[in-house]
Amino acid sequence: MILDKIVDQKRADLEVRKKELSIDEIKNGIAGMKNQASFYDALKKDGLSIIGEVKKASPSKGIIRADFHPLELGKKYELCVDAVSVLTEEKFFLGSPEYLKEVSENISLPTIRKDFIIDEYQIYEAKYLGAAAILLICAVLDVETLRSFRELGESLGLDSLVECHTEEEVKMALESGAKIIGINNRNLKTFEIELETTIKLAKLVPEDKVLVSESGIHTGEDIKKIKGCGVDAVLVGESFMVSEDMLGKAKELKDAFRG
């Protein structure tokens, strides 16, 4: 399965990364760092919040945006969305920790580190790189690890978006104490997308949680399909990356939610 390959690669990459920059160096680097704007607050406000993704490629699509300049994209997002997701996984998504650092240091919006987090090192590193939040994926973590990673993040001033794809994973997220729950419409094992996943699983998420629908959202019609489910925010990557008018695309999605 592609997910297993990604996680195995991540373990190997981490061994190298830890030698290049030690955990002690990171901890020294984050001492006294100010927190970014709140990721939670950006999603919790009234209306539809949009997390725009800085994403060059994916395993299923290959190169999505060949003319890829992370900071330029971050600056455009600053005009039209509420938070920014930056891919830092290097082999399969062609992301980079440096992209997160560059974007986080130069825009006012909160950023989230989008990666396959399997080690506390990555959480400290996310803070070091300037993130306001981290992604935690139920498909690669158990409940206790989800909870401990979320609590570590909170101790560093980081929110956690806890991502689910099945009923069992929603239960895991809730048991772990997640405050922000993401429903990924993409099956990470097959990479197939179904918006119905949000419609089905949203019923299991209490109203006091922040609910995010992820993947497969391209048009105003897609927003209309999920708007009645209690969704607070959507994470949108590919449709922004292929759009020649990112501001217009964001307006289309927000107008559809209001309509």
C-alpha atoms as a PDB file:
ATOM      1  CA  MET A   1       0.000   0.000   0.000  1.00  0.00           C
ATOM      2  CA  ILE A   2       1.159   3.517  -0.793  1.00  0.00           C
ATOM      3  CA  LEU A   3       0.526   4.654   2.807  1.00  0.00           C
ATOM      4  CA  ASP A   4       2.895   1.995   4.153  1.00  0.00           C
ATOM      5  CA  LYS A   5       5.549   3.027   1.640  1.00  0.00           C
ATOM      6  CA  ILE A   6       5.202   6.686   2.643  1.00  0.00           C
ATOM      7  CA  VAL A   7       5.530   5.893   6.353  1.00  0.00           C
ATOM      8  CA  ASP A   8       8.536   3.618   5.772  1.00  0.00           C
ATOM      9  CA  GLN A   9      10.194   6.359   3.742  1.00  0.00           C
ATOM     10  CA  LYS A  10       9.391   8.888   6.454  1.00  0.00           C
ATOM     11  CA  ARG A  11      11.171   6.758   9.059  1.00  0.00           C
ATOM     12  CA  ALA A  12      14.264   6.610   6.857  1.00  0.00           C
ATOM     13  CA  ASP A  13      14.138  10.349   6.147  1.00  0.00           C
ATOM     14  CA  LEU A  14      13.853  11.107   9.860  1.00  0.00           C
ATOM     15  CA  GLU A  15      17.051   9.233  10.650  1.00  0.00           C
ATOM     16  CA  VAL A  16      18.888  11.502   8.236  1.00  0.00           C
ATOM     17  CA  ARG A  17      17.102  14.650   9.391  1.00  0.00           C
ATOM     18  CA  LYS A  18      17.924  14.013  13.048  1.00  0.00           C
ATOM     19  CA  LYS A  19      21.625  13.845  12.208  1.00  0.00           C
ATOM     20  CA  GLU A  20      21.457  17.117  10.281  1.00  0.00           C
ATOM     21  CA  LEU A  21      19.585  18.983  13.027  1.00  0.00           C
ATOM     22  CA  SER A  22      19.434  17.490  16.513  1.00  0.00           C
ATOM     23  CA  ILE A  23      16.383  17.646  18.753  1.00  0.00           C
ATOM     24  CA  ASP A  24      18.426  19.659  21.269  1.00  0.00           C
ATOM     25  CA  GLU A  25      19.253  22.236  18.598  1.00  0.00           C
ATOM     26  CA  ILE A  26      15.563  22.487  17.742  1.00  0.00           C
ATOM     27  CA  LYS A  27      14.522  22.877  21.378  1.00  0.00           C
ATOM     28  CA  ASN A  28      17.079  25.629  21.829  1.00  0.00           C
ATOM     29  CA  GLY A  29      15.840  27.275  18.655  1.00  0.00           C
ATOM     30  CA  ILE A  30      12.194  27.385  19.749  1.00  0.00           C
ATOM     31  CA  ALA A  31      12.892  28.717  23.234  1.00  0.00           C
ATOM     32  CA  GLY A  32      11.115  32.045  23.462  1.00  0.00           C
ATOM     33  CA  MET A  33       9.522  31.815  20.008  1.00  0.00           C
ATOM     34  CA  LYS A  34       6.217  33.633  19.704  1.00  0.00           C
ATOM     35  CA  ASN A  35       3.121  31.673  18.731  1.00  0.00           C
ATOM     36  CA  GLN A  36       1.648  32.215  15.287  1.00  0.00           C
ATOM     37  CA  ALA A  37      -1.913  33.398  14.810  1.00  0.00           C
ATOM     38  CA  SER A  38      -4.328  30.719  16.083  1.00  0.00           C
ATOM     39  CA  PHE A  39      -5.161  27.994  13.568  1.00  0.00           C
ATOM     40  CA  TYR A  40      -8.172  26.962  15.676  1.00  0.00           C
ATOM     41  CA  ASP A  41      -9.594  30.494  15.741  1.00  0.00           C
ATOM     42  CA  ALA A  42      -9.114  30.843  11.978  1.00  0.00           C
ATOM     43  CA  LEU A  43     -11.355  27.828  11.410  1.00  0.00           C
ATOM     44  CA  LYS A  44     -13.873  28.420  14.197  1.00  0.00           C
ATOM     45  CA  LYS A  45     -15.121  31.835  13.072  1.00  0.00           C
ATOM     46  CA  ASP A  46     -18.493  32.287  11.356  1.00  0.00           C
ATOM     47  CA  GLY A  47     -18.937  31.203   7.740  1.00  0.00           C
ATOM     48  CA  LEU A  48     -16.779  28.841   5.742  1.00  0.00           C
ATOM     49  CA  SER A  49     -13.068  28.925   6.477  1.00  0.00           C
ATOM     50  CA  ILE A  50     -10.674  27.754   3.780  1.00  0.00           C
ATOM     51  CA  ILE A  51      -7.293  26.140   4.313  1.00  0.00           C
ATOM     52  CA  GLY A  52      -5.361  26.661   1.091  1.00  0.00           C
ATOM     53  CA  GLU A  53      -2.633  24.136   0.391  1.00  0.00           C
ATOM     54  CA  VAL A  54       0.856  24.740  -0.954  1.00  0.00           C
ATOM     55  CA  LYS A  55       1.274  21.501  -2.884  1.00  0.00           C
ATOM     56  CA  LYS A  56       3.556  20.699  -5.799  1.00  0.00           C
ATOM     57  CA  ALA A  57       2.716  17.034  -6.379  1.00  0.00           C
ATOM     58  CA  SER A  58       0.927  13.950  -5.088  1.00  0.00           C
ATOM     59  CA  PRO A  59       1.388  10.192  -5.527  1.00  0.00           C
ATOM     60  CA  SER A  60      -1.888   9.904  -7.437  1.00  0.00           C
ATOM     61  CA  LYS A  61      -1.538  12.946  -9.732  1.00  0.00           C
ATOM     62  CA  GLY A  62       2.220  13.409 -10.093  1.00  0.00           C
ATOM     63  CA  ILE A  63       3.264  17.034 -10.651  1.00  0.00           C
ATOM     64  CA  ILE A  64       0.261  19.283  -9.990  1.00  0.00           C
ATOM     65  CA  ARG A  65       1.973  22.649 -10.360  1.00  0.00           C
ATOM     66  CA  ALA A  66       5.226  22.763 -12.316  1.00  0.00           C
ATOM     67  CA  ASP A  67       5.641  26.540 -11.871  1.00  0.00           C
ATOM     68  CA  PHE A  68       5.902  26.177  -8.099  1.00  0.00           C
ATOM     69  CA  HIS A  69       6.939  29.065  -5.861  1.00  0.00           C
ATOM     70  CA  PRO A  70       5.769  28.472  -2.254  1.00  0.00           C
ATOM     71  CA  LEU A  71       6.098  32.031  -0.975  1.00  0.00           C
ATOM     72  CA  GLU A  72       4.345  33.490  -4.009  1.00  0.00           C
ATOM     73  CA  LEU A  73       1.475  31.047  -3.403  1.00  0.00           C
ATOM     74  CA  GLY A  74       1.424  31.930   0.290  1.00  0.00           C
ATOM     75  CA  LYS A  75       1.144  35.623  -0.542  1.00  0.00           C
ATOM     76  CA  LYS A  76      -1.800  34.925  -2.869  1.00  0.00           C
ATOM     77  CA  TYR A  77      -3.482  32.834  -0.201  1.00  0.00           C
ATOM     78  CA  GLU A  78      -3.064  35.697   2.256  1.00  0.00           C
ATOM     79  CA  LEU A  79      -5.590  37.622   0.153  1.00  0.00           C
ATOM     80  CA  CYS A  80      -8.297  34.990  -0.023  1.00  0.00           C
ATOM     81  CA  VAL A  81      -8.160  32.141   2.537  1.00  0.00           C
ATOM     82  CA  ASP A  82      -8.018  31.747   6.311  1.00  0.00           C
ATOM     83  CA  ALA A  83      -5.080  29.390   6.885  1.00  0.00           C
ATOM     84  CA  VAL A  84      -2.367  27.735   4.812  1.00  0.00           C
ATOM     85  CA  SER A  85      -1.309  24.091   4.678  1.00  0.00           C
ATOM     86  CA  VAL A  86       2.247  23.409   3.535  1.00  0.00           C
ATOM     87  CA  LEU A  87       3.379  19.959   2.411  1.00  0.00           C
ATOM     88  CA  THR A  88       6.714  19.028   3.965  1.00  0.00           C
ATOM     89  CA  GLU A  89       6.876  15.363   2.826  1.00  0.00           C
ATOM     90  CA  GLU A  90       9.710  15.265   0.321  1.00  0.00           C
ATOM     91  CA  LYS A  91       9.662  12.058  -1.730  1.00  0.00           C
ATOM     92  CA  PHE A  92       6.009  11.442  -2.610  1.00  0.00           C
ATOM     93  CA  PHE A  93       4.612  14.999  -2.480  1.00  0.00           C
ATOM     94  CA  LEU A  94       7.827  16.873  -3.351  1.00  0.00           C
ATOM     95  CA  GLY A  95       7.371  19.100  -0.328  1.00  0.00           C
ATOM     96  CA  SER A  96      10.044  20.479   1.984  1.00  0.00           C
ATOM     97  CA  PRO A  97      10.403  21.709   5.563  1.00  0.00           C
ATOM     98  CA  GLU A  98      12.007  24.798   4.036  1.00  0.00           C
ATOM     99  CA  TYR A  99       8.761  25.612   2.202  1.00  0.00           C
ATOM    100  CA  LEU A 100       6.952  25.709   5.548  1.00  0.00           C
ATOM    101  CA  LYS A 101       9.618  27.932   7.084  1.00  0.00           C
ATOM    102  CA  GLU A 102       9.583  30.343   4.153  1.00  0.00           C
ATOM    103  CA  VAL A 103       5.807  30.668   4.060  1.00  0.00           C
ATOM    104  CA  SER A 104       5.342  30.841   7.848  1.00  0.00           C
ATOM    105  CA  GLU A 105       7.892  33.624   8.258  1.00  0.00           C
ATOM    106  CA  ASN A 106       6.438  35.807   5.520  1.00  0.00           C
ATOM    107  CA  ILE A 107       2.645  35.695   5.792  1.00  0.00           C
ATOM    108  CA  SER A 108       0.244  36.650   8.575  1.00  0.00           C
ATOM    109  CA  LEU A 109      -2.043  33.607   8.246  1.00  0.00           C
ATOM    110  CA  PRO A 110      -1.588  30.563  10.502  1.00  0.00           C
ATOM    111  CA  THR A 111       0.127  27.633   8.798  1.00  0.00           C
ATOM    112  CA  ILE A 112      -0.192  23.897   9.343  1.00  0.00           C
ATOM    113  CA  ARG A 113       2.524  21.344   8.731  1.00  0.00           C
ATOM    114  CA  LYS A 114       1.048  18.745   6.350  1.00  0.00           C
ATOM    115  CA  ASP A 115       3.078  15.580   6.713  1.00  0.00           C
ATOM    116  CA  PHE A 116       2.998  12.040   8.046  1.00  0.00           C
ATOM    117  CA  ILE A 117       3.899  12.699  11.670  1.00  0.00           C
ATOM    118  CA  ILE A 118       5.162   9.578  13.415  1.00  0.00           C
ATOM    119  CA  ASP A 119       7.774  11.003  15.782  1.00  0.00           C
ATOM    120  CA  GLU A 120       7.847  13.751  18.426  1.00  0.00           C
ATOM    121  CA  TYR A 121      10.824  15.232  16.583  1.00  0.00           C
ATOM    122  CA  GLN A 122       8.498  16.348  13.771  1.00  0.00           C
ATOM    123  CA  ILE A 123       6.288  18.229  16.227  1.00  0.00           C
ATOM    124  CA  TYR A 124       9.173  20.179  17.726  1.00  0.00           C
ATOM    125  CA  GLU A 125      10.422  20.772  14.185  1.00  0.00           C
ATOM    126  CA  ALA A 126       7.014  22.096  13.104  1.00  0.00           C
ATOM    127  CA  LYS A 127       7.241  24.731  15.829  1.00  0.00           C
ATOM    128  CA  TYR A 128      10.830  25.505  14.822  1.00  0.00           C
ATOM    129  CA  LEU A 129       9.709  26.010  11.217  1.00  0.00           C
ATOM    130  CA  GLY A 130       7.019  28.488  12.252  1.00  0.00           C
ATOM    131  CA  ALA A 131       3.845  26.411  12.034  1.00  0.00           C
ATOM    132  CA  ALA A 132       0.705  27.155  14.032  1.00  0.00           C
ATOM    133  CA  ALA A 133      -0.612  23.588  13.739  1.00  0.00           C
ATOM    134  CA  ILE A 134       0.222  20.012  12.820  1.00  0.00           C
ATOM    135  CA  LEU A 135      -1.634  17.249  11.016  1.00  0.00           C
ATOM    136  CA  LEU A 136      -2.094  13.975  12.909  1.00  0.00           C
ATOM    137  CA  ILE A 137      -3.375  11.042  10.833  1.00  0.00           C
ATOM    138  CA  CYS A 138      -5.435   8.347  12.566  1.00  0.00           C
ATOM    139  CA  ALA A 139      -4.491   5.798   9.901  1.00  0.00           C
ATOM    140  CA  VAL A 140      -0.843   5.832  11.014  1.00  0.00           C
ATOM    141  CA  LEU A 141      -1.165   6.413  14.796  1.00  0.00           C
ATOM    142  CA  ASP A 142      -2.902   4.724  17.719  1.00  0.00           C
ATOM    143  CA  VAL A 143      -5.151   6.530  20.207  1.00  0.00           C
ATOM    144  CA  GLU A 144      -2.524   6.971  22.890  1.00  0.00           C
ATOM    145  CA  THR A 145       0.001   8.350  20.432  1.00  0.00           C
ATOM    146  CA  LEU A 146      -2.614  10.712  18.989  1.00  0.00           C
ATOM    147  CA  ARG A 147      -3.310  12.018  22.471  1.00  0.00           C
ATOM    148  CA  SER A 148       0.340  12.403  23.467  1.00  0.00           C
ATOM    149  CA  PHE A 149       1.252  14.084  20.166  1.00  0.00           C
ATOM    150  CA  ARG A 150      -1.714  16.477  20.465  1.00  0.00           C
ATOM    151  CA  GLU A 151      -0.777  17.340  24.048  1.00  0.00           C
ATOM    152  CA  LEU A 152       2.859  17.890  23.098  1.00  0.00           C
ATOM    153  CA  GLY A 153       1.734  20.168  20.283  1.00  0.00           C
ATOM    154  CA  GLU A 154      -0.478  22.159  22.630  1.00  0.00           C
ATOM    155  CA  SER A 155       2.398  22.567  25.099  1.00  0.00           C
ATOM    156  CA  LEU A 156       4.338  24.184  22.229  1.00  0.00           C
ATOM    157  CA  GLY A 157       1.434  26.403  21.152  1.00  0.00           C
ATOM    158  CA  LEU A 158       0.444  24.189  18.212  1.00  0.00           C
ATOM    159  CA  ASP A 159      -3.099  23.128  17.341  1.00  0.00           C
ATOM    160  CA  SER A 160      -3.688  19.660  15.888  1.00  0.00           C
ATOM    161  CA  LEU A 161      -5.891  18.747  12.951  1.00  0.00           C
ATOM    162  CA  VAL A 162      -6.711  15.082  13.557  1.00  0.00           C
ATOM    163  CA  GLU A 163      -7.550  13.377  10.282  1.00  0.00           C
ATOM    164  CA  CYS A 164     -10.049  10.518   9.874  1.00  0.00           C
ATOM    165  CA  HIS A 165     -11.445   8.470   7.009  1.00  0.00           C
ATOM    166  CA  THR A 166     -13.605   5.839   8.728  1.00  0.00           C
ATOM    167  CA  GLU A 167     -16.087   5.620  11.599  1.00  0.00           C
ATOM    168  CA  GLU A 168     -13.477   3.845  13.704  1.00  0.00           C
ATOM    169  CA  GLU A 169     -10.992   6.631  13.086  1.00  0.00           C
ATOM    170  CA  VAL A 170     -13.532   9.310  14.078  1.00  0.00           C
ATOM    171  CA  LYS A 171     -14.005   7.437  17.352  1.00  0.00           C
ATOM    172  CA  MET A 172     -10.212   7.347  17.782  1.00  0.00           C
ATOM    173  CA  ALA A 173      -9.974  11.088  17.198  1.00  0.00           C
ATOM    174  CA  LEU A 174     -12.686  11.837  19.735  1.00  0.00           C
ATOM    175  CA  GLU A 175     -11.165   9.477  22.301  1.00  0.00           C
ATOM    176  CA  SER A 176      -7.814  11.225  21.870  1.00  0.00           C
ATOM    177  CA  GLY A 177      -9.402  14.561  22.800  1.00  0.00           C
ATOM    178  CA  ALA A 178      -9.144  16.137  19.349  1.00  0.00           C
ATOM    179  CA  LYS A 179     -10.636  19.628  19.063  1.00  0.00           C
ATOM    180  CA  ILE A 180     -10.242  19.904  15.287  1.00  0.00           C
ATOM    181  CA  ILE A 181     -11.367  16.871  13.301  1.00  0.00           C
ATOM    182  CA  GLY A 182     -10.639  16.494   9.615  1.00  0.00           C
ATOM    183  CA  ILE A 183     -12.596  14.095   7.445  1.00  0.00           C
ATOM    184  CA  ASN A 184     -10.450  13.091   4.493  1.00  0.00           C
ATOM    185  CA  ASN A 185     -12.580  12.264   1.464  1.00  0.00           C
ATOM    186  CA  ARG A 186      -9.517  10.548   0.008  1.00  0.00           C
ATOM    187  CA  ASN A 187      -8.945   6.964   1.049  1.00  0.00           C
ATOM    188  CA  LEU A 188      -5.233   6.919   1.947  1.00  0.00           C
ATOM    189  CA  LYS A 189      -5.028   3.240   1.045  1.00  0.00           C
ATOM    190  CA  THR A 190      -6.530   3.487  -2.453  1.00  0.00           C
ATOM    191  CA  PHE A 191      -6.315   7.292  -2.997  1.00  0.00           C
ATOM    192  CA  GLU A 192      -9.890   7.266  -4.334  1.00  0.00           C
ATOM    193  CA  ILE A 193     -12.063  10.272  -3.423  1.00  0.00           C
ATOM    194  CA  GLU A 194     -15.710  10.363  -2.337  1.00  0.00           C
ATOM    195  CA  LEU A 195     -17.334  13.511  -0.922  1.00  0.00           C
ATOM    196  CA  GLU A 196     -19.944  11.236   0.629  1.00  0.00           C
ATOM    197  CA  THR A 197     -17.314  10.359   3.235  1.00  0.00           C
ATOM    198  CA  THR A 198     -17.795  13.778   4.829  1.00  0.00           C
ATOM    199  CA  ILE A 199     -21.578  13.498   4.650  1.00  0.00           C
ATOM    200  CA  LYS A 200     -21.515  10.086   6.334  1.00  0.00           C
ATOM    201  CA  LEU A 201     -18.925  10.705   9.044  1.00  0.00           C
ATOM    202  CA  ALA A 202     -19.914  14.272   9.984  1.00  0.00           C
ATOM    203  CA  LYS A 203     -22.880  12.828  11.890  1.00  0.00           C
ATOM    204  CA  LEU A 204     -20.442  11.303  14.387  1.00  0.00           C
ATOM    205  CA  VAL A 205     -18.689  14.601  15.182  1.00  0.00           C
ATOM    206  CA  PRO A 206     -20.120  16.635  18.098  1.00  0.00           C
ATOM    207  CA  GLU A 207     -21.088  20.244  17.371  1.00  0.00           C
ATOM    208  CA  ASP A 208     -18.476  21.610  19.768  1.00  0.00           C
ATOM    209  CA  LYS A 209     -15.662  20.297  17.562  1.00  0.00           C
ATOM    210  CA  VAL A 210     -14.228  22.165  14.582  1.00  0.00           C
ATOM    211  CA  LEU A 211     -14.997  20.046  11.510  1.00  0.00           C
ATOM    212  CA  VAL A 212     -12.855  20.174   8.375  1.00  0.00           C
ATOM    213  CA  SER A 213     -13.625  18.447   5.071  1.00  0.00           C
ATOM    214  CA  GLU A 214     -10.455  17.549   3.164  1.00  0.00           C
ATOM    215  CA  SER A 215      -9.763  16.513  -0.442  1.00  0.00           C
ATOM    216  CA  GLY A 216     -11.949  16.398  -3.533  1.00  0.00           C
ATOM    217  CA  ILE A 217     -13.361  19.908  -3.177  1.00  0.00           C
ATOM    218  CA  HIS A 218     -13.080  21.761  -6.472  1.00  0.00           C
ATOM    219  CA  THR A 219     -16.256  23.771  -7.124  1.00  0.00           C
ATOM    220  CA  GLY A 220     -19.113  25.609  -5.520  1.00  0.00           C
ATOM    221  CA  GLU A 221     -21.278  22.566  -6.240  1.00  0.00           C
ATOM    222  CA  ASP A 222     -18.974  20.458  -4.073  1.00  0.00           C
ATOM    223  CA  ILE A 223     -19.423  22.960  -1.238  1.00  0.00           C
ATOM    224  CA  LYS A 224     -23.197  22.791  -1.602  1.00  0.00           C
ATOM    225  CA  LYS A 225     -23.062  19.011  -1.200  1.00  0.00           C
ATOM    226  CA  ILE A 226     -21.387  19.198   2.210  1.00  0.00           C
ATOM    227  CA  LYS A 227     -22.558  22.551   3.625  1.00  0.00           C
ATOM    228  CA  GLY A 228     -25.435  21.005   5.572  1.00  0.00           C
ATOM    229  CA  CYS A 229     -23.143  18.622   7.460  1.00  0.00           C
ATOM    230  CA  GLY A 230     -21.867  21.099  10.034  1.00  0.00           C
ATOM    231  CA  VAL A 231     -18.577  21.685   8.239  1.00  0.00           C
ATOM    232  CA  ASP A 232     -16.620  24.679   9.561  1.00  0.00           C
ATOM    233  CA  ALA A 233     -13.773  24.572   7.057  1.00  0.00           C
ATOM    234  CA  VAL A 234     -12.448  22.896   3.928  1.00  0.00           C
ATOM    235  CA  LEU A 235      -8.892  22.042   2.972  1.00  0.00           C
ATOM    236  CA  VAL A 236      -8.330  22.701  -0.727  1.00  0.00           C
ATOM    237  CA  GLY A 237      -5.140  22.012  -2.605  1.00  0.00           C
ATOM    238  CA  GLU A 238      -5.284  20.787  -6.167  1.00  0.00           C
ATOM    239  CA  SER A 239      -8.030  23.102  -7.420  1.00  0.00           C
ATOM    240  CA  PHE A 240      -6.057  26.134  -6.197  1.00  0.00           C
ATOM    241  CA  MET A 241      -2.813  24.787  -7.610  1.00  0.00           C
ATOM    242  CA  VAL A 242      -4.260  24.412 -11.114  1.00  0.00           C
ATOM    243  CA  SER A 243      -6.279  27.639 -11.020  1.00  0.00           C
ATOM    244  CA  GLU A 244      -5.169  30.800 -12.803  1.00  0.00           C
ATOM    245  CA  ASP A 245      -7.439  32.814 -10.486  1.00  0.00           C
ATOM    246  CA  MET A 246      -6.988  31.678  -6.887  1.00  0.00           C
ATOM    247  CA  LEU A 247      -8.918  34.642  -5.494  1.00  0.00           C
ATOM    248  CA  GLY A 248     -11.836  33.890  -7.792  1.00  0.00           C
ATOM    249  CA  LYS A 249     -11.785  30.218  -6.799  1.00  0.00           C
ATOM    250  CA  ALA A 250     -11.868  31.085  -3.094  1.00  0.00           C
ATOM    251  CA  LYS A 251     -14.772  33.485  -3.686  1.00  0.00           C
ATOM    252  CA  GLU A 252     -16.659  30.781  -5.590  1.00  0.00           C
ATOM    253  CA  LEU A 253     -16.339  28.382  -2.638  1.00  0.00           C
ATOM    254  CA  LYS A 254     -17.317  30.929   0.014  1.00  0.00           C
ATOM    255  CA  ASP A 255     -20.245  32.245  -2.037  1.00  0.00           C
ATOM    256  CA  ALA A 256     -21.560  28.695  -2.466  1.00  0.00           C
ATOM    257  CA  PHE A 257     -21.481  28.199   1.311  1.00  0.00           C
ATOM    258  CA  ARG A 258     -23.371  31.440   1.900  1.00  0.00           C
ATOM    259  CA  GLY A 259     -25.904  30.821  -0.870  1.00  0.00           C
END
